[in-house]
C-alpha atoms as a PDB file:
ATOM      1  CA  MET A   1      38.148  79.381 -39.290  1.00  0.00           C
ATOM      2  CA  SER A   2      40.848  81.460 -37.637  1.00  0.00           C
ATOM      3  CA  GLU A   3      41.195  84.456 -35.369  1.00  0.00           C
ATOM      4  CA  GLU A   4      43.912  87.063 -35.058  1.00  0.00           C
ATOM      5  CA  LEU A   5      45.128  87.867 -31.561  1.00  0.00           C
ATOM      6  CA  PRO A   6      47.132  91.102 -31.139  1.00  0.00           C
ATOM      7  CA  ILE A   7      50.673  90.657 -29.854  1.00  0.00           C
ATOM      8  CA  GLU A   8      51.291  93.385 -27.275  1.00  0.00           C
ATOM      9  CA  HIS A   9      54.498  94.950 -25.933  1.00  0.00           C
ATOM     10  CA  ILE A  10      56.716  93.766 -28.811  1.00  0.00           C
ATOM     11  CA  GLN A  11      60.439  94.016 -28.046  1.00  0.00           C
ATOM     12  CA  ASP A  12      63.207  93.118 -30.464  1.00  0.00           C
ATOM     13  CA  HIS A  13      66.332  91.183 -29.476  1.00  0.00           C
ATOM     14  CA  ASP A  14      69.568  90.385 -31.315  1.00  0.00           C
ATOM     15  CA  ILE A  15      70.439  86.754 -30.597  1.00  0.00           C
ATOM     16  CA  ARG A  16      73.670  85.634 -32.299  1.00  0.00           C
ATOM     17  CA  GLY A  17      73.052  88.017 -35.218  1.00  0.00           C
ATOM     18  CA  GLU A  18      69.418  86.959 -35.608  1.00  0.00           C
ATOM     19  CA  THR A  19      66.491  89.248 -34.745  1.00  0.00           C
ATOM     20  CA  ARG A  20      63.818  87.762 -32.494  1.00  0.00           C
ATOM     21  CA  TRP A  21      60.868  89.409 -30.812  1.00  0.00           C
ATOM     22  CA  THR A  22      59.041  88.887 -27.535  1.00  0.00           C
ATOM     23  CA  GLY A  23      55.601  90.038 -26.494  1.00  0.00           C
ATOM     24  CA  TYR A  24      52.308  88.951 -24.958  1.00  0.00           C
ATOM     25  CA  VAL A  25      49.038  87.641 -26.322  1.00  0.00           C
ATOM     26  CA  LYS A  26      45.875  88.157 -24.304  1.00  0.00           C
ATOM     27  CA  LEU A  27      43.592  85.118 -24.512  1.00  0.00           C
ATOM     28  CA  SER A  28      39.794  85.234 -24.365  1.00  0.00           C
ATOM     29  CA  ASN A  29      39.886  83.984 -20.762  1.00  0.00           C
ATOM     30  CA  GLY A  30      41.923  87.047 -19.770  1.00  0.00           C
ATOM     31  CA  TYR A  31      45.260  85.267 -19.340  1.00  0.00           C
ATOM     32  CA  ARG A  32      48.351  86.781 -20.934  1.00  0.00           C
ATOM     33  CA  VAL A  33      50.776  84.352 -22.560  1.00  0.00           C
ATOM     34  CA  GLY A  34      54.383  85.304 -23.304  1.00  0.00           C
ATOM     35  CA  VAL A  35      55.351  84.589 -26.910  1.00  0.00           C
ATOM     36  CA  LEU A  36      58.609  84.437 -28.818  1.00  0.00           C
ATOM     37  CA  VAL A  37      58.398  85.421 -32.494  1.00  0.00           C
ATOM     38  CA  LEU A  38      60.943  83.869 -34.839  1.00  0.00           C
ATOM     39  CA  ALA A  39      61.722  84.489 -38.502  1.00  0.00           C
ATOM     40  CA  VAL A  40      61.375  81.069 -40.128  1.00  0.00           C
ATOM     41  CA  GLY A  41      61.704  80.725 -43.879  1.00  0.00           C
ATOM     42  CA  ASP A  42      59.817  83.595 -45.501  1.00  0.00           C
ATOM     43  CA  GLY A  43      57.485  84.174 -42.562  1.00  0.00           C
ATOM     44  CA  LEU A  44      57.132  84.688 -38.851  1.00  0.00           C
ATOM     45  CA  ILE A  45      56.035  82.145 -36.265  1.00  0.00           C
ATOM     46  CA  ALA A  46      55.120  82.696 -32.618  1.00  0.00           C
ATOM     47  CA  VAL A  47      55.744  80.046 -29.965  1.00  0.00           C
ATOM     48  CA  ARG A  48      55.307  80.003 -26.211  1.00  0.00           C
ATOM     49  CA  ASN A  49      58.307  81.698 -24.640  1.00  0.00           C
ATOM     50  CA  ARG A  50      58.612  79.039 -21.934  1.00  0.00           C
ATOM     51  CA  CYS A  51      60.084  75.568 -22.017  1.00  0.00           C
ATOM     52  CA  PRO A  52      57.305  73.084 -21.177  1.00  0.00           C
ATOM     53  CA  HIS A  53      59.782  71.105 -19.035  1.00  0.00           C
ATOM     54  CA  ARG A  54      61.562  73.734 -16.926  1.00  0.00           C
ATOM     55  CA  ALA A  55      59.512  76.888 -17.671  1.00  0.00           C
ATOM     56  CA  VAL A  56      62.625  78.879 -18.613  1.00  0.00           C
ATOM     57  CA  PRO A  57      62.436  81.523 -21.377  1.00  0.00           C
ATOM     58  CA  LEU A  58      63.369  80.199 -24.822  1.00  0.00           C
ATOM     59  CA  LEU A  59      64.660  83.510 -26.224  1.00  0.00           C
ATOM     60  CA  GLN A  60      68.306  82.362 -26.135  1.00  0.00           C
ATOM     61  CA  GLY A  61      67.558  78.886 -27.564  1.00  0.00           C
ATOM     62  CA  ARG A  62      69.266  77.653 -30.739  1.00  0.00           C
ATOM     63  CA  LEU A  63      66.896  77.647 -33.715  1.00  0.00           C
ATOM     64  CA  ASP A  64      67.297  74.879 -36.295  1.00  0.00           C
ATOM     65  CA  GLN A  65      65.164  75.961 -39.253  1.00  0.00           C
ATOM     66  CA  THR A  66      65.930  72.813 -41.238  1.00  0.00           C
ATOM     67  CA  ALA A  67      64.668  70.532 -38.467  1.00  0.00           C
ATOM     68  CA  GLY A  68      61.950  72.987 -37.368  1.00  0.00           C
ATOM     69  CA  THR A  69      63.097  72.929 -33.744  1.00  0.00           C
ATOM     70  CA  LEU A  70      64.102  75.315 -30.978  1.00  0.00           C
ATOM     71  CA  GLU A  71      66.549  74.083 -28.364  1.00  0.00           C
ATOM     72  CA  CYS A  72      65.932  74.924 -24.706  1.00  0.00           C
ATOM     73  CA  PRO A  73      68.914  76.978 -23.491  1.00  0.00           C
ATOM     74  CA  SER A  74      68.642  75.425 -20.028  1.00  0.00           C
ATOM     75  CA  HIS A  75      68.723  71.701 -20.669  1.00  0.00           C
ATOM     76  CA  GLY A  76      69.085  71.180 -24.423  1.00  0.00           C
ATOM     77  CA  TRP A  77      65.729  69.633 -25.316  1.00  0.00           C
ATOM     78  CA  GLU A  78      64.930  70.179 -28.979  1.00  0.00           C
ATOM     79  CA  LEU A  79      61.305  71.284 -29.158  1.00  0.00           C
ATOM     80  CA  PRO A  80      59.285  71.227 -32.404  1.00  0.00           C
ATOM     81  CA  LEU A  81      58.100  74.715 -33.367  1.00  0.00           C
ATOM     82  CA  VAL A  82      54.647  73.354 -34.168  1.00  0.00           C
ATOM     83  CA  GLY A  83      52.769  70.811 -32.113  1.00  0.00           C
ATOM     84  CA  SER A  84      51.614  70.502 -28.547  1.00  0.00           C
ATOM     85  CA  ASP A  85      54.754  71.720 -26.728  1.00  0.00           C
ATOM     86  CA  LEU A  86      55.250  75.227 -28.127  1.00  0.00           C
ATOM     87  CA  LYS A  87      51.988  75.590 -30.075  1.00  0.00           C
ATOM     88  CA  GLY A  88      53.620  77.512 -32.910  1.00  0.00           C
ATOM     89  CA  ALA A  89      51.335  79.757 -34.940  1.00  0.00           C
ATOM     90  CA  PRO A  90      51.855  82.127 -37.879  1.00  0.00           C
ATOM     91  CA  VAL A  91      52.283  85.834 -37.260  1.00  0.00           C
ATOM     92  CA  VAL A  92      51.146  88.612 -39.571  1.00  0.00           C
ATOM     93  CA  LYS A  93      52.087  92.292 -39.428  1.00  0.00           C
ATOM     94  CA  ARG A  94      49.535  94.844 -40.552  1.00  0.00           C
ATOM     95  CA  ASP A  95      49.489  98.618 -40.093  1.00  0.00           C
ATOM     96  CA  GLY A  96      52.292  98.465 -37.518  1.00  0.00           C
ATOM     97  CA  GLN A  97      50.480  95.866 -35.389  1.00  0.00           C
ATOM     98  CA  TRP A  98      51.501  92.215 -34.964  1.00  0.00           C
ATOM     99  CA  PHE A  99      48.923  89.418 -34.799  1.00  0.00           C
ATOM    100  CA  LEU A 100      49.139  85.740 -33.886  1.00  0.00           C
ATOM    101  CA  VAL A 101      46.889  83.761 -36.230  1.00  0.00           C
ATOM    102  CA  ARG A 102      45.157  81.020 -34.286  1.00  0.00           C
ATOM    103  CA  THR A 103      43.202  78.394 -36.178  1.00  0.00           C
ATOM    104  CA  ALA A 104      40.155  76.944 -34.454  1.00  0.00           C
ATOM    105  CA  VAL A 105      40.236  73.169 -34.148  1.00  0.00           C
END
């Protein structure tokens, strides 16, 4: 079972010739979480836009699609796009709206 959470306030950014997007997802508890949306392969994936170690934005981080990692621009940690650190999730676009697809565990 999965749910789609709207991504609000989408902004696009050109990072070294690559388009990335930032926005916010509002969780059921009312908290807003900043997300970074990356084009990976043929799809889009959203990750937390904060390094779990230093809490700096990851927008400028180097993406390694082959390894499936995003490097923290502050201290160089290579963080897996999926897993407990960044909690990567697929993104779908429909009727001009962006949604983070969260799968219930």
